[in-house]
C-alpha atoms as a PDB file:
ATOM      1  CA  MET A   1     -42.076  22.992  37.594  1.00  0.00           C
ATOM      2  CA  ARG A   2     -38.959  24.467  36.141  1.00  0.00           C
ATOM      3  CA  LYS A   3     -36.705  22.275  34.033  1.00  0.00           C
ATOM      4  CA  GLY A   4     -33.671  21.054  36.057  1.00  0.00           C
ATOM      5  CA  ALA A   5     -34.886  22.594  39.289  1.00  0.00           C
ATOM      6  CA  GLY A   6     -33.385  21.184  42.423  1.00  0.00           C
ATOM      7  CA  PHE A   7     -30.270  19.825  40.734  1.00  0.00           C
ATOM      8  CA  PRO A   8     -26.970  21.677  40.876  1.00  0.00           C
ATOM      9  CA  ARG A   9     -25.578  22.839  37.573  1.00  0.00           C
ATOM     10  CA  VAL A  10     -22.586  20.858  36.313  1.00  0.00           C
ATOM     11  CA  GLY A  11     -19.329  22.841  36.338  1.00  0.00           C
ATOM     12  CA  HIS A  12     -20.902  25.684  38.278  1.00  0.00           C
ATOM     13  CA  ALA A  13     -17.947  26.090  40.653  1.00  0.00           C
ATOM     14  CA  GLU A  14     -15.337  26.339  37.869  1.00  0.00           C
ATOM     15  CA  ARG A  15     -17.313  28.778  35.786  1.00  0.00           C
ATOM     16  CA  ASP A  16     -18.052  31.127  38.630  1.00  0.00           C
ATOM     17  CA  MET A  17     -14.494  31.388  39.988  1.00  0.00           C
ATOM     18  CA  ASP A  18     -14.039  34.138  42.523  1.00  0.00           C
ATOM     19  CA  ARG A  19     -11.043  36.446  42.739  1.00  0.00           C
ATOM     20  CA  ARG A  20      -9.289  34.388  45.420  1.00  0.00           C
ATOM     21  CA  GLY A  21      -9.569  31.182  43.359  1.00  0.00           C
ATOM     22  CA  PHE A  22      -8.301  32.956  40.254  1.00  0.00           C
ATOM     23  CA  ILE A  23      -5.233  34.317  42.058  1.00  0.00           C
ATOM     24  CA  LYS A  24      -4.596  30.974  43.750  1.00  0.00           C
ATOM     25  CA  LYS A  25      -4.685  29.124  40.412  1.00  0.00           C
ATOM     26  CA  GLY A  26      -2.532  31.725  38.689  1.00  0.00           C
ATOM     27  CA  LEU A  27       0.117  31.679  41.411  1.00  0.00           C
ATOM     28  CA  SER A  28       0.225  27.891  41.477  1.00  0.00           C
ATOM     29  CA  ARG A  29       0.742  27.783  37.710  1.00  0.00           C
ATOM     30  CA  LEU A  30       3.506  30.400  37.954  1.00  0.00           C
ATOM     31  CA  PHE A  31       5.114  28.341  40.705  1.00  0.00           C
ATOM     32  CA  TYR A  32       5.099  25.252  38.462  1.00  0.00           C
ATOM     33  CA  ILE A  33       6.540  27.171  35.512  1.00  0.00           C
ATOM     34  CA  PHE A  34       9.363  28.737  37.547  1.00  0.00           C
ATOM     35  CA  GLY A  35      10.016  25.464  39.381  1.00  0.00           C
ATOM     36  CA  GLY A  36      10.291  23.621  36.066  1.00  0.00           C
ATOM     37  CA  ALA A  37      12.623  26.293  34.703  1.00  0.00           C
ATOM     38  CA  ILE A  38      14.830  26.073  37.791  1.00  0.00           C
ATOM     39  CA  LEU A  39      15.007  22.294  37.487  1.00  0.00           C
ATOM     40  CA  ALA A  40      15.637  22.402  33.712  1.00  0.00           C
ATOM     41  CA  TYR A  41      18.338  25.098  33.856  1.00  0.00           C
ATOM     42  CA  PRO A  42      21.268  22.851  34.907  1.00  0.00           C
ATOM     43  CA  ALA A  43      20.489  20.287  32.220  1.00  0.00           C
ATOM     44  CA  LEU A  44      20.083  22.906  29.481  1.00  0.00           C
ATOM     45  CA  SER A  45      23.207  24.820  30.500  1.00  0.00           C
ATOM     46  CA  PHE A  46      25.206  21.562  30.522  1.00  0.00           C
ATOM     47  CA  MET A  47      24.089  20.701  26.996  1.00  0.00           C
ATOM     48  CA  THR A  48      24.849  24.162  25.576  1.00  0.00           C
ATOM     49  CA  PHE A  49      28.098  24.863  27.457  1.00  0.00           C
ATOM     50  CA  LYS A  50      31.231  25.025  25.343  1.00  0.00           C
ATOM     51  CA  LYS A  51      34.503  25.374  27.168  1.00  0.00           C
ATOM     52  CA  SER A  52      36.988  27.220  25.029  1.00  0.00           C
ATOM     53  CA  ARG A  53      40.697  27.177  25.525  1.00  0.00           C
ATOM     54  CA  THR A  54      43.577  28.686  23.649  1.00  0.00           C
ATOM     55  CA  GLU A  55      46.559  26.657  22.565  1.00  0.00           C
ATOM     56  CA  LYS A  56      49.824  28.151  21.353  1.00  0.00           C
ATOM     57  CA  ILE A  57      51.793  26.235  18.759  1.00  0.00           C
ATOM     58  CA  ILE A  58      55.366  27.367  18.177  1.00  0.00           C
ATOM     59  CA  PHE A  59      57.158  26.870  14.871  1.00  0.00           C
ATOM     60  CA  HIS A  60      60.899  27.262  15.469  1.00  0.00           C
ATOM     61  CA  PRO A  61      63.051  28.579  12.580  1.00  0.00           C
ATOM     62  CA  ASP A  62      64.202  25.061  11.634  1.00  0.00           C
ATOM     63  CA  GLU A  63      60.508  24.015  11.328  1.00  0.00           C
ATOM     64  CA  GLN A  64      59.745  26.806   8.840  1.00  0.00           C
ATOM     65  CA  GLN A  65      62.013  25.740   5.984  1.00  0.00           C
ATOM     66  CA  SER A  66      59.503  24.328   3.476  1.00  0.00           C
ATOM     67  CA  VAL A  67      56.481  25.853   1.780  1.00  0.00           C
ATOM     68  CA  LEU A  68      54.101  23.765   3.929  1.00  0.00           C
ATOM     69  CA  ASN A  69      54.928  23.113   7.581  1.00  0.00           C
ATOM     70  CA  PHE A  70      52.697  20.900   9.732  1.00  0.00           C
ATOM     71  CA  LYS A  71      52.484  20.808  13.506  1.00  0.00           C
ATOM     72  CA  GLU A  72      49.709  19.799  15.932  1.00  0.00           C
ATOM     73  CA  GLY A  73      46.753  20.339  13.595  1.00  0.00           C
ATOM     74  CA  VAL A  74      48.054  23.578  12.075  1.00  0.00           C
ATOM     75  CA  CYS A  75      49.619  24.168   8.679  1.00  0.00           C
ATOM     76  CA  LEU A  76      52.028  27.071   8.262  1.00  0.00           C
ATOM     77  CA  VAL A  77      52.199  28.173   4.621  1.00  0.00           C
ATOM     78  CA  ARG A  78      54.870  30.285   2.981  1.00  0.00           C
ATOM     79  CA  LYS A  79      53.833  31.675  -0.390  1.00  0.00           C
ATOM     80  CA  GLY A  80      56.594  33.972  -1.600  1.00  0.00           C
ATOM     81  CA  SER A  81      57.094  36.671   1.030  1.00  0.00           C
ATOM     82  CA  GLU A  82      53.607  36.041   2.433  1.00  0.00           C
ATOM     83  CA  ALA A  83      53.033  33.626   5.305  1.00  0.00           C
ATOM     84  CA  TYR A  84      49.813  32.430   6.896  1.00  0.00           C
ATOM     85  CA  ALA A  85      48.537  29.591   9.024  1.00  0.00           C
ATOM     86  CA  PHE A  86      45.337  27.620   8.839  1.00  0.00           C
ATOM     87  CA  SER A  87      43.671  24.927  10.889  1.00  0.00           C
ATOM     88  CA  MET A  88      43.778  21.422   9.458  1.00  0.00           C
ATOM     89  CA  ARG A  89      40.185  20.756  10.552  1.00  0.00           C
ATOM     90  CA  CYS A  90      37.614  20.372   7.810  1.00  0.00           C
ATOM     91  CA  THR A  91      35.124  23.240   7.663  1.00  0.00           C
ATOM     92  CA  HIS A  92      32.285  20.762   7.101  1.00  0.00           C
ATOM     93  CA  LEU A  93      32.239  18.787  10.378  1.00  0.00           C
ATOM     94  CA  GLY A  94      35.681  19.316  11.896  1.00  0.00           C
ATOM     95  CA  CYS A  95      37.500  16.111  10.924  1.00  0.00           C
ATOM     96  CA  MET A  96      41.305  16.233  10.794  1.00  0.00           C
ATOM     97  CA  LEU A  97      42.519  16.512   7.214  1.00  0.00           C
ATOM     98  CA  ASN A  98      45.120  14.344   5.511  1.00  0.00           C
ATOM     99  CA  TYR A  99      47.678  15.861   3.152  1.00  0.00           C
ATOM    100  CA  GLY A 100      48.557  14.033  -0.050  1.00  0.00           C
ATOM    101  CA  ALA A 101      52.121  14.963  -1.039  1.00  0.00           C
ATOM    102  CA  VAL A 102      51.632  13.631  -4.572  1.00  0.00           C
ATOM    103  CA  SER A 103      48.320  15.390  -5.244  1.00  0.00           C
ATOM    104  CA  GLN A 104      49.345  18.391  -3.093  1.00  0.00           C
ATOM    105  CA  ARG A 105      45.842  18.556  -1.664  1.00  0.00           C
ATOM    106  CA  PHE A 106      44.196  18.210   1.714  1.00  0.00           C
ATOM    107  CA  GLN A 107      41.460  15.614   1.860  1.00  0.00           C
ATOM    108  CA  CYS A 108      38.878  14.958   4.557  1.00  0.00           C
ATOM    109  CA  PRO A 109      38.736  11.254   5.437  1.00  0.00           C
ATOM    110  CA  CYS A 110      35.177  11.567   6.783  1.00  0.00           C
ATOM    111  CA  HIS A 111      33.174  13.023   3.892  1.00  0.00           C
ATOM    112  CA  GLY A 112      35.671  13.592   1.083  1.00  0.00           C
ATOM    113  CA  SER A 113      36.028  17.371   0.992  1.00  0.00           C
ATOM    114  CA  VAL A 114      39.138  18.468  -0.905  1.00  0.00           C
ATOM    115  CA  PHE A 115      41.225  21.630  -0.404  1.00  0.00           C
ATOM    116  CA  ASP A 116      44.276  22.800  -2.329  1.00  0.00           C
ATOM    117  CA  ARG A 117      47.629  23.339  -0.627  1.00  0.00           C
ATOM    118  CA  TRP A 118      46.757  26.985   0.062  1.00  0.00           C
ATOM    119  CA  GLY A 119      43.612  26.006   1.973  1.00  0.00           C
ATOM    120  CA  LYS A 120      41.097  26.896  -0.763  1.00  0.00           C
ATOM    121  CA  TRP A 121      38.030  24.677  -1.080  1.00  0.00           C
ATOM    122  CA  ILE A 122      37.935  22.554  -4.255  1.00  0.00           C
ATOM    123  CA  SER A 123      35.114  20.023  -3.830  1.00  0.00           C
ATOM    124  CA  GLY A 124      32.993  18.091  -1.359  1.00  0.00           C
ATOM    125  CA  PRO A 125      30.348  18.963   1.229  1.00  0.00           C
ATOM    126  CA  ALA A 126      32.466  21.681   2.886  1.00  0.00           C
ATOM    127  CA  LYS A 127      31.765  24.984   1.144  1.00  0.00           C
ATOM    128  CA  LYS A 128      34.296  27.224   2.917  1.00  0.00           C
ATOM    129  CA  ASP A 129      38.062  27.531   2.691  1.00  0.00           C
ATOM    130  CA  LEU A 130      40.106  26.271   5.622  1.00  0.00           C
ATOM    131  CA  LEU A 131      40.030  28.534   8.670  1.00  0.00           C
ATOM    132  CA  ARG A 132      42.985  30.884   8.916  1.00  0.00           C
ATOM    133  CA  VAL A 133      44.377  31.281  12.401  1.00  0.00           C
ATOM    134  CA  PRO A 134      46.295  34.272  13.772  1.00  0.00           C
ATOM    135  CA  PHE A 135      50.019  34.097  14.392  1.00  0.00           C
ATOM    136  CA  ALA A 136      52.859  36.353  15.474  1.00  0.00           C
ATOM    137  CA  THR A 137      56.576  36.338  14.743  1.00  0.00           C
ATOM    138  CA  GLU A 138      58.771  36.757  17.790  1.00  0.00           C
ATOM    139  CA  LYS A 139      62.233  38.357  18.013  1.00  0.00           C
ATOM    140  CA  ASN A 140      64.002  34.999  17.860  1.00  0.00           C
ATOM    141  CA  LYS A 141      62.139  34.237  14.554  1.00  0.00           C
ATOM    142  CA  ASP A 142      59.755  31.766  16.203  1.00  0.00           C
ATOM    143  CA  ILE A 143      56.237  31.851  14.777  1.00  0.00           C
ATOM    144  CA  VAL A 144      53.573  31.474  17.463  1.00  0.00           C
ATOM    145  CA  VAL A 145      50.173  30.355  16.206  1.00  0.00           C
ATOM    146  CA  THR A 146      47.211  30.938  18.529  1.00  0.00           C
ATOM    147  CA  LEU A 147      44.555  28.260  18.108  1.00  0.00           C
ATOM    148  CA  ASP A 148      41.172  28.389  19.861  1.00  0.00           C
ATOM    149  CA  ILE A 149      40.002  24.878  20.668  1.00  0.00           C
END
């Protein structure tokens, strides 16, 4: 008598899958993958969505008198005939900076980064200078700073 005769082989049906079973299994797995992607899409898009808006900050001529002019998280700097504006958010993690009039430096209250009055990085975990933001001078001498938030 042959060894194992009369007993069905274990796993015989899975090993000898026919074409119909293969297609059925493949389509069901594709259905699960696409179904999972469709269900995960709203959650993933919510977590990665960043709504951007533009804010305009206007410096009137009477607000432009000193070398450093502060308004709504923006610093307008006049250095000789040159003028520029930079954001008062730290380039490390985005904390609002404090300005020390005595030291003439910007300091981050969160992690201690220090910037000079021209926005150049001096020390701390931030390694970049403060972000310069575009501005335009209008006919009535108003300076309009465009800030993307």
